[in-house]
Amino acid sequence: RLASELDAGAARGDDRLIALVRACGSAASYLSGRGGDKYQDPAKFAAAGIALIHGDFVHPVYDQGHDGFVPGLSVLDAVFRLGWERTAGLVAGAGCAA
């Protein structure tokens, strides 16, 4: 869902995130990306009854056909380089031979 579809009022920062989580219904947790721990206040989320979870995504490395690895590309890059089955294994955490 788009945040613009939800009613978060004029809240900003952590208050906006909490309002968006509440607007989604009975959500009990918020999964934040890397770096969120530098600016989010866990006490605000706890007071709202929302568990604040910080993810630490580690990009799987695969052969991109050149020296070095460029993280953050679309999954389509992996599909075109590896095929559907090997990409599915990479996404599922099975790993992939570079």
PDB file of N, CA and C in Angstrom:
ATOM      1  N   ARG A   1       0.840  -1.178   0.000  1.00  0.00           N
ATOM      2  CA  ARG A   1       0.000   0.000   0.000  1.00  0.00           C
ATOM      3  C   ARG A   1       0.880   1.234   0.000  1.00  0.00           C
ATOM      4  N   LEU A   2       0.373   2.280  -0.570  1.00  0.00           N
ATOM      5  CA  LEU A   2       1.086   3.544  -0.581  1.00  0.00           C
ATOM      6  C   LEU A   2       0.769   4.336   0.679  1.00  0.00           C
ATOM      7  N   ALA A   3       1.772   4.984   1.243  1.00  0.00           N
ATOM      8  CA  ALA A   3       1.556   5.796   2.437  1.00  0.00           C
ATOM      9  C   ALA A   3       0.510   6.872   2.166  1.00  0.00           C
ATOM     10  N   SER A   4       0.463   7.371   0.929  1.00  0.00           N
ATOM     11  CA  SER A   4      -0.502   8.417   0.583  1.00  0.00           C
ATOM     12  C   SER A   4      -1.944   7.916   0.635  1.00  0.00           C
ATOM     13  N   GLU A   5      -2.144   6.602   0.620  1.00  0.00           N
ATOM     14  CA  GLU A   5      -3.487   6.023   0.718  1.00  0.00           C
ATOM     15  C   GLU A   5      -3.948   5.895   2.173  1.00  0.00           C
ATOM     16  N   LEU A   6      -3.029   6.051   3.094  1.00  0.00           N
ATOM     17  CA  LEU A   6      -3.331   5.859   4.509  1.00  0.00           C
ATOM     18  C   LEU A   6      -3.470   7.212   5.199  1.00  0.00           C
ATOM     19  N   ASP A   7      -4.237   7.234   6.274  1.00  0.00           N
ATOM     20  CA  ASP A   7      -4.438   8.472   7.019  1.00  0.00           C
ATOM     21  C   ASP A   7      -3.435   8.564   8.151  1.00  0.00           C
ATOM     22  N   ALA A   8      -2.368   9.345   7.930  1.00  0.00           N
ATOM     23  CA  ALA A   8      -1.368   9.542   8.962  1.00  0.00           C
ATOM     24  C   ALA A   8      -1.417  10.966   9.498  1.00  0.00           C
ATOM     25  N   GLY A   9      -2.390  11.734   9.032  1.00  0.00           N
ATOM     26  CA  GLY A   9      -2.506  13.112   9.484  1.00  0.00           C
ATOM     27  C   GLY A   9      -1.274  13.909   9.103  1.00  0.00           C
ATOM     28  N   ALA A  10      -0.914  14.866   9.938  1.00  0.00           N
ATOM     29  CA  ALA A  10       0.236  15.726   9.669  1.00  0.00           C
ATOM     30  C   ALA A  10       1.467  15.263  10.441  1.00  0.00           C
ATOM     31  N   ALA A  11       1.428  14.057  10.971  1.00  0.00           N
ATOM     32  CA  ALA A  11       2.541  13.546  11.772  1.00  0.00           C
ATOM     33  C   ALA A  11       3.818  13.491  10.939  1.00  0.00           C
ATOM     34  N   ARG A  12       4.954  13.632  11.628  1.00  0.00           N
ATOM     35  CA  ARG A  12       6.261  13.579  10.960  1.00  0.00           C
ATOM     36  C   ARG A  12       7.186  12.640  11.727  1.00  0.00           C
ATOM     37  N   GLY A  13       8.227  12.166  11.061  1.00  0.00           N
ATOM     38  CA  GLY A  13       9.232  11.318  11.695  1.00  0.00           C
ATOM     39  C   GLY A  13       8.643  10.037  12.266  1.00  0.00           C
ATOM     40  N   ASP A  14       9.085   9.685  13.467  1.00  0.00           N
ATOM     41  CA  ASP A  14       8.608   8.467  14.129  1.00  0.00           C
ATOM     42  C   ASP A  14       7.096   8.478  14.308  1.00  0.00           C
ATOM     43  N   ASP A  15       6.547   9.646  14.614  1.00  0.00           N
ATOM     44  CA  ASP A  15       5.099   9.743  14.817  1.00  0.00           C
ATOM     45  C   ASP A  15       4.346   9.382  13.541  1.00  0.00           C
ATOM     46  N   ARG A  16       4.899   9.763  12.390  1.00  0.00           N
ATOM     47  CA  ARG A  16       4.264   9.405  11.108  1.00  0.00           C
ATOM     48  C   ARG A  16       4.346   7.893  10.883  1.00  0.00           C
ATOM     49  N   LEU A  17       5.504   7.302  11.160  1.00  0.00           N
ATOM     50  CA  LEU A  17       5.643   5.853  10.989  1.00  0.00           C
ATOM     51  C   LEU A  17       4.658   5.106  11.880  1.00  0.00           C
ATOM     52  N   ILE A  18       4.528   5.551  13.117  1.00  0.00           N
ATOM     53  CA  ILE A  18       3.593   4.917  14.049  1.00  0.00           C
ATOM     54  C   ILE A  18       2.163   5.074  13.548  1.00  0.00           C
ATOM     55  N   ALA A  19       1.825   6.259  13.048  1.00  0.00           N
ATOM     56  CA  ALA A  19       0.475   6.486  12.507  1.00  0.00           C
ATOM     57  C   ALA A  19       0.214   5.603  11.295  1.00  0.00           C
ATOM     58  N   LEU A  20       1.217   5.414  10.446  1.00  0.00           N
ATOM     59  CA  LEU A  20       1.053   4.566   9.260  1.00  0.00           C
ATOM     60  C   LEU A  20       0.865   3.100   9.657  1.00  0.00           C
ATOM     61  N   VAL A  21       1.640   2.644  10.648  1.00  0.00           N
ATOM     62  CA  VAL A  21       1.486   1.263  11.121  1.00  0.00           C
ATOM     63  C   VAL A  21       0.078   1.071  11.676  1.00  0.00           C
ATOM     64  N   ARG A  22      -0.386   2.014  12.466  1.00  0.00           N
ATOM     65  CA  ARG A  22      -1.734   1.911  13.035  1.00  0.00           C
ATOM     66  C   ARG A  22      -2.805   1.940  11.949  1.00  0.00           C
ATOM     67  N   ALA A  23      -2.582   2.716  10.892  1.00  0.00           N
ATOM     68  CA  ALA A  23      -3.554   2.816   9.800  1.00  0.00           C
ATOM     69  C   ALA A  23      -3.669   1.509   9.022  1.00  0.00           C
ATOM     70  N   CYS A  24      -2.655   0.653   9.152  1.00  0.00           N
ATOM     71  CA  CYS A  24      -2.676  -0.641   8.454  1.00  0.00           C
ATOM     72  C   CYS A  24      -3.512  -1.676   9.193  1.00  0.00           C
ATOM     73  N   GLY A  25      -4.006  -1.336  10.352  1.00  0.00           N
ATOM     74  CA  GLY A  25      -4.846  -2.273  11.087  1.00  0.00           C
ATOM     75  C   GLY A  25      -4.182  -2.755  12.347  1.00  0.00           C
ATOM     76  N   SER A  26      -4.138  -4.053  12.506  1.00  0.00           N
ATOM     77  CA  SER A  26      -3.661  -4.636  13.756  1.00  0.00           C
ATOM     78  C   SER A  26      -2.170  -4.975  13.734  1.00  0.00           C
ATOM     79  N   ALA A  27      -1.394  -4.246  12.936  1.00  0.00           N
ATOM     80  CA  ALA A  27       0.042  -4.519  12.873  1.00  0.00           C
ATOM     81  C   ALA A  27       0.682  -4.311  14.236  1.00  0.00           C
ATOM     82  N   ALA A  28       1.536  -5.225  14.619  1.00  0.00           N
ATOM     83  CA  ALA A  28       2.177  -5.158  15.934  1.00  0.00           C
ATOM     84  C   ALA A  28       3.668  -4.878  15.823  1.00  0.00           C
ATOM     85  N   SER A  29       4.185  -4.731  14.591  1.00  0.00           N
ATOM     86  CA  SER A  29       5.608  -4.484  14.443  1.00  0.00           C
ATOM     87  C   SER A  29       5.883  -3.636  13.209  1.00  0.00           C
ATOM     88  N   TYR A  30       7.036  -2.984  13.236  1.00  0.00           N
ATOM     89  CA  TYR A  30       7.499  -2.179  12.108  1.00  0.00           C
ATOM     90  C   TYR A  30       8.908  -2.636  11.773  1.00  0.00           C
ATOM     91  N   LEU A  31       9.125  -3.063  10.535  1.00  0.00           N
ATOM     92  CA  LEU A  31      10.433  -3.508  10.076  1.00  0.00           C
ATOM     93  C   LEU A  31      11.120  -2.335   9.396  1.00  0.00           C
ATOM     94  N   SER A  32      12.186  -1.878   9.998  1.00  0.00           N
ATOM     95  CA  SER A  32      12.932  -0.728   9.502  1.00  0.00           C
ATOM     96  C   SER A  32      14.157  -1.206   8.746  1.00  0.00           C
ATOM     97  N   GLY A  33      14.563  -0.433   7.781  1.00  0.00           N
ATOM     98  CA  GLY A  33      15.759  -0.757   7.024  1.00  0.00           C
ATOM     99  C   GLY A  33      17.027  -0.399   7.771  1.00  0.00           C
ATOM    100  N   ARG A  34      18.136  -0.740   7.171  1.00  0.00           N
ATOM    101  CA  ARG A  34      19.445  -0.456   7.756  1.00  0.00           C
ATOM    102  C   ARG A  34      19.588   1.051   7.971  1.00  0.00           C
ATOM    103  N   GLY A  35      20.096   1.424   9.099  1.00  0.00           N
ATOM    104  CA  GLY A  35      20.320   2.828   9.403  1.00  0.00           C
ATOM    105  C   GLY A  35      19.201   3.466  10.203  1.00  0.00           C
ATOM    106  N   GLY A  36      18.037   2.815  10.278  1.00  0.00           N
ATOM    107  CA  GLY A  36      16.927   3.370  11.025  1.00  0.00           C
ATOM    108  C   GLY A  36      17.238   3.548  12.495  1.00  0.00           C
ATOM    109  N   ASP A  37      18.127   2.714  12.996  1.00  0.00           N
ATOM    110  CA  ASP A  37      18.483   2.811  14.417  1.00  0.00           C
ATOM    111  C   ASP A  37      19.220   4.103  14.741  1.00  0.00           C
ATOM    112  N   LYS A  38      19.663   4.831  13.716  1.00  0.00           N
ATOM    113  CA  LYS A  38      20.368   6.093  13.941  1.00  0.00           C
ATOM    114  C   LYS A  38      19.412   7.252  14.194  1.00  0.00           C
ATOM    115  N   TYR A  39      18.153   7.099  13.818  1.00  0.00           N
ATOM    116  CA  TYR A  39      17.234   8.223  13.988  1.00  0.00           C
ATOM    117  C   TYR A  39      15.882   7.850  14.596  1.00  0.00           C
ATOM    118  N   GLN A  40      15.568   6.595  14.718  1.00  0.00           N
ATOM    119  CA  GLN A  40      14.275   6.195  15.279  1.00  0.00           C
ATOM    120  C   GLN A  40      14.376   6.041  16.795  1.00  0.00           C
ATOM    121  N   ASP A  41      13.299   6.415  17.487  1.00  0.00           N
ATOM    122  CA  ASP A  41      13.258   6.352  18.942  1.00  0.00           C
ATOM    123  C   ASP A  41      12.485   5.102  19.364  1.00  0.00           C
ATOM    124  N   PRO A  42      13.185   4.049  19.803  1.00  0.00           N
ATOM    125  CA  PRO A  42      12.509   2.808  20.182  1.00  0.00           C
ATOM    126  C   PRO A  42      11.461   3.006  21.269  1.00  0.00           C
ATOM    127  N   ALA A  43      11.665   3.976  22.158  1.00  0.00           N
ATOM    128  CA  ALA A  43      10.710   4.220  23.250  1.00  0.00           C
ATOM    129  C   ALA A  43       9.353   4.664  22.706  1.00  0.00           C
ATOM    130  N   LYS A  44       9.342   5.441  21.626  1.00  0.00           N
ATOM    131  CA  LYS A  44       8.070   5.880  21.026  1.00  0.00           C
ATOM    132  C   LYS A  44       7.290   4.685  20.482  1.00  0.00           C
ATOM    133  N   PHE A  45       7.992   3.789  19.816  1.00  0.00           N
ATOM    134  CA  PHE A  45       7.338   2.608  19.260  1.00  0.00           C
ATOM    135  C   PHE A  45       6.834   1.705  20.386  1.00  0.00           C
ATOM    136  N   ALA A  46       7.645   1.515  21.405  1.00  0.00           N
ATOM    137  CA  ALA A  46       7.242   0.675  22.544  1.00  0.00           C
ATOM    138  C   ALA A  46       6.011   1.258  23.227  1.00  0.00           C
ATOM    139  N   ALA A  47       5.984   2.581  23.409  1.00  0.00           N
ATOM    140  CA  ALA A  47       4.837   3.231  24.045  1.00  0.00           C
ATOM    141  C   ALA A  47       3.571   3.061  23.215  1.00  0.00           C
ATOM    142  N   ALA A  48       3.740   2.920  21.899  1.00  0.00           N
ATOM    143  CA  ALA A  48       2.603   2.729  20.998  1.00  0.00           C
ATOM    144  C   ALA A  48       2.223   1.258  20.863  1.00  0.00           C
ATOM    145  N   GLY A  49       2.997   0.369  21.537  1.00  0.00           N
ATOM    146  CA  GLY A  49       2.715  -1.064  21.451  1.00  0.00           C
ATOM    147  C   GLY A  49       3.155  -1.689  20.145  1.00  0.00           C
ATOM    148  N   ILE A  50       4.143  -1.077  19.511  1.00  0.00           N
ATOM    149  CA  ILE A  50       4.644  -1.559  18.217  1.00  0.00           C
ATOM    150  C   ILE A  50       6.105  -1.973  18.386  1.00  0.00           C
ATOM    151  N   ALA A  51       6.409  -3.212  18.018  1.00  0.00           N
ATOM    152  CA  ALA A  51       7.790  -3.687  18.075  1.00  0.00           C
ATOM    153  C   ALA A  51       8.570  -3.072  16.917  1.00  0.00           C
ATOM    154  N   LEU A  52       9.702  -2.476  17.220  1.00  0.00           N
ATOM    155  CA  LEU A  52      10.569  -1.886  16.204  1.00  0.00           C
ATOM    156  C   LEU A  52      11.684  -2.872  15.907  1.00  0.00           C
ATOM    157  N   ILE A  53      11.735  -3.353  14.680  1.00  0.00           N
ATOM    158  CA  ILE A  53      12.719  -4.357  14.272  1.00  0.00           C
ATOM    159  C   ILE A  53      13.596  -3.742  13.194  1.00  0.00           C
ATOM    160  N   HIS A  54      14.900  -3.794  13.391  1.00  0.00           N
ATOM    161  CA  HIS A  54      15.832  -3.272  12.393  1.00  0.00           C
ATOM    162  C   HIS A  54      16.404  -4.430  11.585  1.00  0.00           C
ATOM    163  N   GLY A  55      16.149  -4.412  10.302  1.00  0.00           N
ATOM    164  CA  GLY A  55      16.685  -5.438   9.414  1.00  0.00           C
ATOM    165  C   GLY A  55      18.126  -5.128   9.054  1.00  0.00           C
ATOM    166  N   ASP A  56      18.882  -6.140   8.787  1.00  0.00           N
ATOM    167  CA  ASP A  56      20.282  -5.975   8.388  1.00  0.00           C
ATOM    168  C   ASP A  56      20.511  -6.822   7.141  1.00  0.00           C
ATOM    169  N   PHE A  57      19.967  -6.357   6.024  1.00  0.00           N
ATOM    170  CA  PHE A  57      20.042  -7.080   4.760  1.00  0.00           C
ATOM    171  C   PHE A  57      21.489  -7.208   4.300  1.00  0.00           C
ATOM    172  N   VAL A  58      21.864  -8.409   3.964  1.00  0.00           N
ATOM    173  CA  VAL A  58      23.174  -8.675   3.373  1.00  0.00           C
ATOM    174  C   VAL A  58      22.923  -9.141   1.951  1.00  0.00           C
ATOM    175  N   HIS A  59      23.384  -8.349   0.998  1.00  0.00           N
ATOM    176  CA  HIS A  59      23.120  -8.650  -0.411  1.00  0.00           C
ATOM    177  C   HIS A  59      23.865  -9.912  -0.841  1.00  0.00           C
ATOM    178  N   PRO A  60      23.157 -10.896  -1.406  1.00  0.00           N
ATOM    179  CA  PRO A  60      23.854 -12.079  -1.918  1.00  0.00           C
ATOM    180  C   PRO A  60      24.683 -11.704  -3.142  1.00  0.00           C
ATOM    181  N   VAL A  61      25.872 -12.245  -3.211  1.00  0.00           N
ATOM    182  CA  VAL A  61      26.779 -11.947  -4.316  1.00  0.00           C
ATOM    183  C   VAL A  61      26.635 -13.029  -5.380  1.00  0.00           C
ATOM    184  N   TYR A  62      26.555 -12.601  -6.630  1.00  0.00           N
ATOM    185  CA  TYR A  62      26.467 -13.535  -7.757  1.00  0.00           C
ATOM    186  C   TYR A  62      27.284 -12.991  -8.917  1.00  0.00           C
ATOM    187  N   ASP A  63      27.564 -13.829  -9.883  1.00  0.00           N
ATOM    188  CA  ASP A  63      28.363 -13.447 -11.044  1.00  0.00           C
ATOM    189  C   ASP A  63      27.563 -12.489 -11.916  1.00  0.00           C
ATOM    190  N   GLN A  64      28.072 -11.267 -12.054  1.00  0.00           N
ATOM    191  CA  GLN A  64      27.417 -10.280 -12.908  1.00  0.00           C
ATOM    192  C   GLN A  64      28.116 -10.135 -14.255  1.00  0.00           C
ATOM    193  N   GLY A  65      29.093 -10.990 -14.497  1.00  0.00           N
ATOM    194  CA  GLY A  65      29.752 -10.987 -15.798  1.00  0.00           C
ATOM    195  C   GLY A  65      30.891 -10.003 -15.930  1.00  0.00           C
ATOM    196  N   HIS A  66      31.357  -9.431 -14.824  1.00  0.00           N
ATOM    197  CA  HIS A  66      32.490  -8.500 -14.846  1.00  0.00           C
ATOM    198  C   HIS A  66      33.173  -8.535 -13.483  1.00  0.00           C
ATOM    199  N   ASP A  67      34.331  -7.901 -13.409  1.00  0.00           N
ATOM    200  CA  ASP A  67      35.046  -7.841 -12.126  1.00  0.00           C
ATOM    201  C   ASP A  67      34.263  -6.977 -11.154  1.00  0.00           C
ATOM    202  N   GLY A  68      34.308  -7.346  -9.901  1.00  0.00           N
ATOM    203  CA  GLY A  68      33.602  -6.594  -8.875  1.00  0.00           C
ATOM    204  C   GLY A  68      32.132  -6.978  -8.824  1.00  0.00           C
ATOM    205  N   PHE A  69      31.433  -6.429  -7.865  1.00  0.00           N
ATOM    206  CA  PHE A  69      30.012  -6.715  -7.697  1.00  0.00           C
ATOM    207  C   PHE A  69      29.280  -5.407  -7.434  1.00  0.00           C
ATOM    208  N   VAL A  70      28.172  -5.193  -8.131  1.00  0.00           N
ATOM    209  CA  VAL A  70      27.361  -3.992  -7.951  1.00  0.00           C
ATOM    210  C   VAL A  70      26.096  -4.401  -7.207  1.00  0.00           C
ATOM    211  N   PRO A  71      25.984  -4.057  -5.914  1.00  0.00           N
ATOM    212  CA  PRO A  71      24.786  -4.418  -5.147  1.00  0.00           C
ATOM    213  C   PRO A  71      23.621  -3.496  -5.467  1.00  0.00           C
ATOM    214  N   GLY A  72      22.418  -3.954  -5.133  1.00  0.00           N
ATOM    215  CA  GLY A  72      21.236  -3.103  -5.238  1.00  0.00           C
ATOM    216  C   GLY A  72      20.563  -3.086  -6.593  1.00  0.00           C
ATOM    217  N   LEU A  73      20.983  -3.934  -7.506  1.00  0.00           N
ATOM    218  CA  LEU A  73      20.330  -3.978  -8.813  1.00  0.00           C
ATOM    219  C   LEU A  73      19.003  -4.727  -8.691  1.00  0.00           C
ATOM    220  N   SER A  74      18.182  -4.606  -9.691  1.00  0.00           N
ATOM    221  CA  SER A  74      16.906  -5.316  -9.725  1.00  0.00           C
ATOM    222  C   SER A  74      17.146  -6.821  -9.757  1.00  0.00           C
ATOM    223  N   VAL A  75      16.182  -7.568  -9.248  1.00  0.00           N
ATOM    224  CA  VAL A  75      16.256  -9.025  -9.310  1.00  0.00           C
ATOM    225  C   VAL A  75      16.339  -9.484 -10.766  1.00  0.00           C
ATOM    226  N   LEU A  76      15.871  -8.640 -11.670  1.00  0.00           N
ATOM    227  CA  LEU A  76      15.941  -9.001 -13.094  1.00  0.00           C
ATOM    228  C   LEU A  76      17.384  -9.155 -13.567  1.00  0.00           C
ATOM    229  N   ASP A  77      18.307  -8.415 -12.973  1.00  0.00           N
ATOM    230  CA  ASP A  77      19.710  -8.589 -13.332  1.00  0.00           C
ATOM    231  C   ASP A  77      20.147 -10.015 -13.040  1.00  0.00           C
ATOM    232  N   ALA A  78      19.781 -10.511 -11.860  1.00  0.00           N
ATOM    233  CA  ALA A  78      20.132 -11.890 -11.502  1.00  0.00           C
ATOM    234  C   ALA A  78      19.428 -12.886 -12.419  1.00  0.00           C
ATOM    235  N   VAL A  79      18.162 -12.642 -12.731  1.00  0.00           N
ATOM    236  CA  VAL A  79      17.410 -13.554 -13.610  1.00  0.00           C
ATOM    237  C   VAL A  79      18.076 -13.644 -14.976  1.00  0.00           C
ATOM    238  N   PHE A  80      18.465 -12.498 -15.539  1.00  0.00           N
ATOM    239  CA  PHE A  80      19.094 -12.513 -16.863  1.00  0.00           C
ATOM    240  C   PHE A  80      20.476 -13.159 -16.837  1.00  0.00           C
ATOM    241  N   ARG A  81      21.191 -13.026 -15.711  1.00  0.00           N
ATOM    242  CA  ARG A  81      22.527 -13.609 -15.610  1.00  0.00           C
ATOM    243  C   ARG A  81      22.495 -15.084 -15.218  1.00  0.00           C
ATOM    244  N   LEU A  82      21.552 -15.465 -14.323  1.00  0.00           N
ATOM    245  CA  LEU A  82      21.571 -16.796 -13.724  1.00  0.00           C
ATOM    246  C   LEU A  82      20.439 -17.708 -14.152  1.00  0.00           C
ATOM    247  N   GLY A  83      19.361 -17.133 -14.637  1.00  0.00           N
ATOM    248  CA  GLY A  83      18.172 -17.921 -14.935  1.00  0.00           C
ATOM    249  C   GLY A  83      17.241 -17.955 -13.735  1.00  0.00           C
ATOM    250  N   TRP A  84      16.007 -18.417 -13.950  1.00  0.00           N
ATOM    251  CA  TRP A  84      14.976 -18.421 -12.914  1.00  0.00           C
ATOM    252  C   TRP A  84      15.322 -19.302 -11.721  1.00  0.00           C
ATOM    253  N   GLU A  85      15.764 -20.533 -11.994  1.00  0.00           N
ATOM    254  CA  GLU A  85      15.999 -21.486 -10.896  1.00  0.00           C
ATOM    255  C   GLU A  85      17.134 -21.049  -9.976  1.00  0.00           C
ATOM    256  N   ARG A  86      18.262 -20.643 -10.538  1.00  0.00           N
ATOM    257  CA  ARG A  86      19.384 -20.219  -9.702  1.00  0.00           C
ATOM    258  C   ARG A  86      19.061 -18.933  -8.959  1.00  0.00           C
ATOM    259  N   THR A  87      18.299 -18.034  -9.590  1.00  0.00           N
ATOM    260  CA  THR A  87      17.886 -16.806  -8.904  1.00  0.00           C
ATOM    261  C   THR A  87      16.957 -17.131  -7.756  1.00  0.00           C
ATOM    262  N   ALA A  88      16.037 -18.056  -7.960  1.00  0.00           N
ATOM    263  CA  ALA A  88      15.121 -18.470  -6.891  1.00  0.00           C
ATOM    264  C   ALA A  88      15.926 -19.028  -5.715  1.00  0.00           C
ATOM    265  N   GLY A  89      16.957 -19.818  -5.987  1.00  0.00           N
ATOM    266  CA  GLY A  89      17.810 -20.343  -4.938  1.00  0.00           C
ATOM    267  C   GLY A  89      18.566 -19.226  -4.218  1.00  0.00           C
ATOM    268  N   LEU A  90      19.003 -18.240  -4.969  1.00  0.00           N
ATOM    269  CA  LEU A  90      19.718 -17.096  -4.381  1.00  0.00           C
ATOM    270  C   LEU A  90      18.791 -16.321  -3.459  1.00  0.00           C
ATOM    271  N   VAL A  91      17.581 -16.061  -3.915  1.00  0.00           N
ATOM    272  CA  VAL A  91      16.615 -15.310  -3.125  1.00  0.00           C
ATOM    273  C   VAL A  91      16.191 -16.098  -1.887  1.00  0.00           C
ATOM    274  N   ALA A  92      16.078 -17.407  -2.010  1.00  0.00           N
ATOM    275  CA  ALA A  92      15.655 -18.254  -0.890  1.00  0.00           C
ATOM    276  C   ALA A  92      16.783 -18.469   0.118  1.00  0.00           C
ATOM    277  N   GLY A  93      17.980 -17.992  -0.217  1.00  0.00           N
ATOM    278  CA  GLY A  93      19.097 -18.123   0.713  1.00  0.00           C
ATOM    279  C   GLY A  93      19.925 -19.369   0.482  1.00  0.00           C
ATOM    280  N   ALA A  94      19.656 -20.073  -0.616  1.00  0.00           N
ATOM    281  CA  ALA A  94      20.400 -21.296  -0.901  1.00  0.00           C
ATOM    282  C   ALA A  94      21.796 -20.987  -1.418  1.00  0.00           C
ATOM    283  N   GLY A  95      22.033 -19.735  -1.765  1.00  0.00           N
ATOM    284  CA  GLY A  95      23.350 -19.350  -2.281  1.00  0.00           C
ATOM    285  C   GLY A  95      23.456 -19.627  -3.762  1.00  0.00           C
ATOM    286  N   CYS A  96      24.525 -19.147  -4.332  1.00  0.00           N
ATOM    287  CA  CYS A  96      24.725 -19.300  -5.767  1.00  0.00           C
ATOM    288  C   CYS A  96      26.222 -19.254  -6.044  1.00  0.00           C
ATOM    289  N   ALA A  97      26.700 -20.183  -6.790  1.00  0.00           N
ATOM    290  CA  ALA A  97      28.109 -20.168  -7.146  1.00  0.00           C
ATOM    291  C   ALA A  97      28.391 -19.004  -8.076  1.00  0.00           C
ATOM    292  N   ALA A  98      29.365 -18.219  -7.724  1.00  0.00           N
ATOM    293  CA  ALA A  98      29.703 -17.045  -8.546  1.00  0.00           C
ATOM    294  C   ALA A  98      30.478 -17.476  -9.772  1.00  0.00           C
TER     295      ALA A  98
END
